[in-house]
Amino acid sequence: MAHKDRGVLPGMPVWGGGAWMQGEPSARGVTGITSFQVLDDLLRWLGDPRRFPDLREIVLIGHSAGAQLLQRYTVLNAVTEELQQAGIHVRYVISSPSSYLYLSPERPLGDGFAIPTMQMQACPRYDDYRYGLQHAPAYLPPPQLDGRQLFARYAARDVRYMVGARDTDPQHRYLDHACGAAMQGQTRVARQLAYVGSERDLSQRWQIPVDHPQRQIPGAAHGAARLFGAPEAVQWIFPPPSGAARRESAGSRLP
């Protein structure tokens, strides 16, 4: 909840404006709780076998501002492996965020990726968190993992990217226009394609395999209803199980 939201009650953690999007702590009500901690608690609550002993998969979906939170959380959290060790698969679906957390100082330049030496003069803090790992939040406790270590963990996670094929307005009122975001691309489509490209670049440079598929949804712009209402989006988020998994699921059903 943000302080401007209707329904805020005493005893709630409340965030100022959009601070929750980057994992900042609550500033009112119950203070000092980061939005990342909230997601940690939700996942651990769901993963408790005393509550849901048959739970085998959790899918987290973030769109727009929610995707800004989710993409950063997907990189930084340490809960994913806890759940997987308990037999619960976690999938992250990152839909149409305004910006991304880069794990190295390179940014898209021309047909590749390089440190943006010229742009740094006008935007010297382009690699500060929330756009890069400089001055990372306290949620990432010491000893902090470096970009390569974080990438290795992130690359092994089930991450899917999606964006409306028509989400190409560089002046969209909800698009992040800060210089750190603008250096990632001019539109949400461009920024997502650039980020997926940066993953391939890091994969080759650091010799860490990554397979995070990306899909543009035809006919959709930024509106969630058109985007998530598309049949191909539903299949993308919840892919049909493999033949073996389908047989196992059918075999477990009661007559």
Protein backbone atom coordinates (compact mmCIF):
# COMPACT_ATOMS: atom_id res chain seq x y z
CA MET A 1 0.00 0.00 0.00
CA ALA A 2 1.10 3.57 -0.70
CA HIS A 3 0.01 6.46 1.48
CA LYS A 4 -2.32 7.74 -1.25
CA ASP A 5 -4.18 4.43 -1.59
CA ARG A 6 -7.71 4.00 -0.31
CA GLY A 7 -8.11 1.38 2.37
CA VAL A 8 -4.90 2.09 4.31
CA LEU A 9 -5.42 0.97 7.90
CA PRO A 10 -3.42 1.54 11.10
CA GLY A 11 -0.79 -1.10 11.60
CA MET A 12 -0.07 -1.56 7.89
CA PRO A 13 3.33 -0.96 6.34
CA VAL A 14 2.83 1.94 3.92
CA TRP A 15 5.18 3.13 1.19
CA GLY A 16 5.65 6.63 -0.14
CA GLY A 17 4.71 6.98 -3.79
CA GLY A 18 6.41 4.38 -5.96
CA ALA A 19 9.24 3.54 -3.54
CA TRP A 20 7.99 -0.04 -3.33
CA MET A 21 8.92 -0.55 -7.00
CA GLN A 22 12.61 -0.75 -6.15
CA GLY A 23 12.35 -2.58 -2.85
CA GLU A 24 12.61 0.39 -0.51
CA PRO A 25 11.39 0.11 3.10
CA SER A 26 7.96 1.24 4.23
CA ALA A 27 7.96 4.83 5.47
CA ARG A 28 4.68 5.03 7.40
CA GLY A 29 2.60 2.80 9.62
CA VAL A 30 4.80 -0.22 10.30
CA THR A 31 8.08 1.19 9.01
CA GLY A 32 11.29 -0.42 7.84
CA ILE A 33 9.77 -3.34 5.89
CA THR A 34 11.02 -3.58 2.33
CA SER A 35 8.71 -4.64 -0.46
CA PHE A 36 11.24 -7.41 -1.18
CA GLN A 37 10.70 -8.73 2.36
CA VAL A 38 6.96 -8.79 1.69
CA LEU A 39 7.51 -11.05 -1.32
CA ASP A 40 9.90 -13.22 0.71
CA ASP A 41 7.25 -13.67 3.39
CA LEU A 42 4.51 -14.46 0.87
CA LEU A 43 6.62 -17.09 -0.86
CA ARG A 44 7.69 -18.72 2.38
CA TRP A 45 4.09 -18.70 3.61
CA LEU A 46 2.91 -20.38 0.42
CA GLY A 47 5.82 -22.82 0.51
CA ASP A 48 5.09 -24.03 4.04
CA PRO A 49 4.05 -27.69 3.54
CA ARG A 50 1.76 -27.49 6.56
CA ARG A 51 -0.45 -25.10 4.57
CA PHE A 52 -0.19 -26.40 1.01
CA PRO A 53 1.43 -29.86 1.06
CA ASP A 54 0.64 -30.49 -2.64
CA LEU A 55 1.90 -27.17 -3.98
CA ARG A 56 4.44 -27.77 -6.75
CA GLU A 57 4.64 -24.47 -8.63
CA ILE A 58 4.38 -20.75 -7.91
CA VAL A 59 4.12 -18.21 -10.74
CA LEU A 60 4.82 -14.56 -9.96
CA ILE A 61 3.63 -12.04 -12.55
CA GLY A 62 4.53 -8.37 -12.54
CA HIS A 63 3.26 -5.83 -15.05
CA SER A 64 4.53 -2.27 -15.58
CA ALA A 65 5.42 -0.89 -12.13
CA GLY A 66 4.88 -4.37 -10.70
CA ALA A 67 7.37 -5.71 -13.23
CA GLN A 68 9.95 -3.19 -12.07
CA LEU A 69 9.61 -4.63 -8.58
CA LEU A 70 9.55 -8.23 -9.81
CA GLN A 71 12.57 -8.00 -12.11
CA ARG A 72 14.74 -6.58 -9.34
CA TYR A 73 13.37 -9.08 -6.86
CA THR A 74 14.04 -11.95 -9.26
CA VAL A 75 17.69 -10.91 -9.44
CA LEU A 76 18.23 -10.22 -5.74
CA ASN A 77 16.14 -12.70 -3.74
CA ALA A 78 17.57 -15.80 -2.07
CA VAL A 79 14.23 -17.59 -1.57
CA THR A 80 13.91 -19.22 -5.00
CA GLU A 81 16.41 -21.97 -4.24
CA GLU A 82 14.85 -22.60 -0.80
CA LEU A 83 11.54 -23.37 -2.49
CA GLN A 84 13.11 -25.45 -5.22
CA GLN A 85 14.89 -27.58 -2.63
CA ALA A 86 11.45 -28.15 -1.10
CA GLY A 87 10.13 -29.36 -4.47
CA ILE A 88 8.36 -26.12 -5.49
CA HIS A 89 9.20 -24.63 -8.87
CA VAL A 90 9.11 -20.82 -9.18
CA ARG A 91 8.46 -18.99 -12.44
CA TYR A 92 8.85 -15.22 -12.85
CA VAL A 93 6.92 -13.43 -15.62
CA ILE A 94 8.20 -9.88 -16.17
CA SER A 95 5.77 -7.85 -18.27
CA SER A 96 6.49 -4.41 -19.74
CA PRO A 97 8.57 -2.68 -17.05
CA SER A 98 9.92 0.82 -17.63
CA SER A 99 13.46 -0.17 -16.69
CA TYR A 100 15.66 -3.05 -15.63
CA LEU A 101 18.40 -3.81 -13.12
CA TYR A 102 21.57 -4.34 -15.16
CA LEU A 103 24.28 -6.58 -13.70
CA SER A 104 27.24 -4.94 -15.43
CA PRO A 105 28.03 -1.32 -16.36
CA GLU A 106 27.61 -1.90 -20.10
CA ARG A 107 24.53 -0.56 -21.85
CA PRO A 108 23.15 -0.95 -25.38
CA LEU A 109 25.26 1.02 -27.84
CA GLY A 110 24.84 0.55 -31.56
CA ASP A 111 24.68 -3.15 -32.33
CA GLY A 112 26.32 -4.23 -29.08
CA PHE A 113 26.97 -3.35 -25.46
CA ALA A 114 29.68 -1.13 -24.00
CA ILE A 115 30.33 1.25 -21.16
CA PRO A 116 28.57 4.47 -22.25
CA THR A 117 31.54 6.79 -21.83
CA MET A 118 30.00 9.75 -23.67
CA GLN A 119 26.60 9.51 -21.96
CA MET A 120 28.22 9.24 -18.53
CA GLN A 121 29.06 12.93 -18.65
CA ALA A 122 25.37 13.83 -18.59
CA CYS A 123 24.31 10.84 -16.47
CA PRO A 124 27.19 9.94 -14.14
CA ARG A 125 25.00 7.83 -11.85
CA TYR A 126 23.47 5.73 -14.61
CA ASP A 127 24.73 2.50 -12.98
CA ASP A 128 23.47 3.27 -9.48
CA TYR A 129 20.69 1.12 -8.13
CA ARG A 130 17.85 0.88 -9.38
CA TYR A 131 19.37 0.75 -12.85
CA GLY A 132 22.65 -0.94 -11.87
CA LEU A 133 24.37 -2.53 -8.89
CA GLN A 134 26.24 0.48 -7.56
CA HIS A 135 24.98 1.32 -4.05
CA ALA A 136 22.85 -1.83 -3.97
CA PRO A 137 20.11 -1.95 -1.32
CA ALA A 138 20.66 -3.39 2.16
CA TYR A 139 18.37 -6.28 1.17
CA LEU A 140 21.47 -7.73 -0.51
CA PRO A 141 23.42 -8.39 2.71
CA PRO A 142 27.20 -8.47 2.97
CA PRO A 143 29.20 -10.13 1.66
CA GLN A 144 27.33 -8.91 -1.41
CA LEU A 145 27.36 -11.05 -4.50
CA ASP A 146 29.00 -9.37 -7.47
CA GLY A 147 27.38 -8.99 -10.87
CA ARG A 148 28.76 -12.27 -12.23
CA GLN A 149 27.57 -14.26 -9.20
CA LEU A 150 24.14 -12.65 -9.32
CA PHE A 151 23.91 -13.34 -13.04
CA ALA A 152 24.80 -17.00 -12.56
CA ARG A 153 21.98 -17.37 -10.03
CA TYR A 154 19.53 -15.32 -12.10
CA ALA A 155 20.35 -17.22 -15.29
CA ALA A 156 19.42 -20.51 -13.63
CA ARG A 157 15.96 -19.23 -12.66
CA ASP A 158 12.79 -19.66 -14.72
CA VAL A 159 12.28 -16.14 -16.06
CA ARG A 160 10.03 -15.09 -18.94
CA TYR A 161 9.72 -11.65 -20.48
CA MET A 162 6.72 -10.28 -22.31
CA VAL A 163 5.66 -6.91 -23.70
CA GLY A 164 2.93 -5.60 -25.99
CA ALA A 165 4.23 -5.34 -29.56
CA ARG A 166 2.66 -1.86 -29.75
CA ASP A 167 4.17 -0.62 -26.46
CA THR A 168 6.39 1.71 -28.46
CA ASP A 169 5.45 5.20 -27.30
CA PRO A 170 8.63 7.02 -26.16
CA GLN A 171 6.48 9.69 -24.51
CA HIS A 172 4.14 7.36 -22.59
CA ARG A 173 3.12 9.12 -19.38
CA TYR A 174 4.09 6.15 -17.19
CA LEU A 175 7.42 5.47 -18.91
CA ASP A 176 10.49 6.17 -16.77
CA HIS A 177 12.19 9.16 -18.42
CA ALA A 178 15.18 9.41 -16.03
CA CYS A 179 18.53 9.34 -17.80
CA GLY A 180 19.43 5.97 -16.27
CA ALA A 181 16.31 4.47 -17.80
CA ALA A 182 16.67 6.29 -21.13
CA MET A 183 20.11 4.73 -21.59
CA GLN A 184 18.37 1.34 -21.69
CA GLY A 185 16.30 2.28 -24.75
CA GLN A 186 13.59 4.68 -25.88
CA THR A 187 10.49 2.51 -25.44
CA ARG A 188 9.40 -0.48 -23.38
CA VAL A 189 9.78 -2.81 -26.34
CA ALA A 190 13.27 -1.48 -27.05
CA ARG A 191 14.29 -1.73 -23.40
CA GLN A 192 13.10 -5.31 -23.07
CA LEU A 193 14.81 -6.45 -26.25
CA ALA A 194 18.00 -4.67 -25.14
CA TYR A 195 17.93 -6.33 -21.75
CA VAL A 196 17.46 -9.79 -23.24
CA GLY A 197 20.35 -8.95 -25.56
CA SER A 198 22.48 -7.93 -22.59
CA GLU A 199 21.80 -11.32 -20.99
CA ARG A 200 23.11 -13.04 -24.11
CA ASP A 201 26.15 -10.74 -24.06
CA LEU A 202 26.93 -11.56 -20.43
CA SER A 203 26.29 -15.24 -21.05
CA GLN A 204 28.93 -15.27 -23.78
CA ARG A 205 31.40 -13.12 -21.86
CA TRP A 206 31.09 -14.99 -18.56
CA GLN A 207 30.44 -18.44 -20.05
CA ILE A 208 27.18 -18.86 -18.11
CA PRO A 209 24.30 -20.38 -20.06
CA VAL A 210 20.99 -18.51 -19.94
CA ASP A 211 17.61 -19.22 -21.49
CA HIS A 212 15.08 -16.56 -20.56
CA PRO A 213 12.56 -16.49 -23.43
CA GLN A 214 10.91 -13.26 -24.54
CA ARG A 215 7.68 -12.68 -26.41
CA GLN A 216 5.94 -9.67 -27.91
CA ILE A 217 2.15 -9.95 -27.79
CA PRO A 218 0.65 -8.87 -31.15
CA GLY A 219 -1.91 -6.04 -31.07
CA ALA A 220 -1.24 -5.12 -27.43
CA ALA A 221 0.18 -1.80 -26.25
CA HIS A 222 0.67 -1.14 -22.53
CA GLY A 223 -2.82 -1.86 -21.26
CA ALA A 224 -2.93 -4.95 -19.07
CA ALA A 225 -6.37 -6.12 -20.22
CA ARG A 226 -5.41 -6.46 -23.90
CA LEU A 227 -2.00 -7.85 -23.03
CA PHE A 228 -3.05 -10.53 -20.56
CA GLY A 229 -6.29 -11.31 -22.37
CA ALA A 230 -4.44 -12.59 -25.42
CA PRO A 231 -4.51 -16.41 -25.66
CA GLU A 232 -0.81 -16.49 -26.55
CA ALA A 233 -0.02 -14.56 -23.35
CA VAL A 234 -1.91 -17.09 -21.25
CA GLN A 235 -0.03 -19.96 -22.88
CA TRP A 236 3.22 -18.08 -22.40
CA ILE A 237 2.63 -17.58 -18.68
CA PHE A 238 1.18 -21.04 -18.04
CA PRO A 239 2.71 -23.36 -20.63
CA PRO A 240 1.08 -26.77 -20.97
CA PRO A 241 2.96 -29.46 -19.04
CA SER A 242 5.25 -31.84 -20.81
CA GLY A 243 3.96 -35.28 -21.67
CA ALA A 244 5.54 -36.87 -18.59
CA ALA A 245 4.20 -34.16 -16.28
CA ARG A 246 0.75 -34.44 -17.87
CA ARG A 247 0.67 -38.19 -17.29
CA GLU A 248 1.84 -37.76 -13.70
CA SER A 249 -0.87 -35.14 -13.08
CA ALA A 250 -3.56 -37.34 -14.64
CA GLY A 251 -2.44 -40.31 -12.60
CA SER A 252 -2.73 -38.36 -9.36
CA ARG A 253 -6.36 -37.40 -9.88
CA LEU A 254 -9.04 -39.00 -7.80
CA PRO A 255 -11.50 -41.17 -9.75
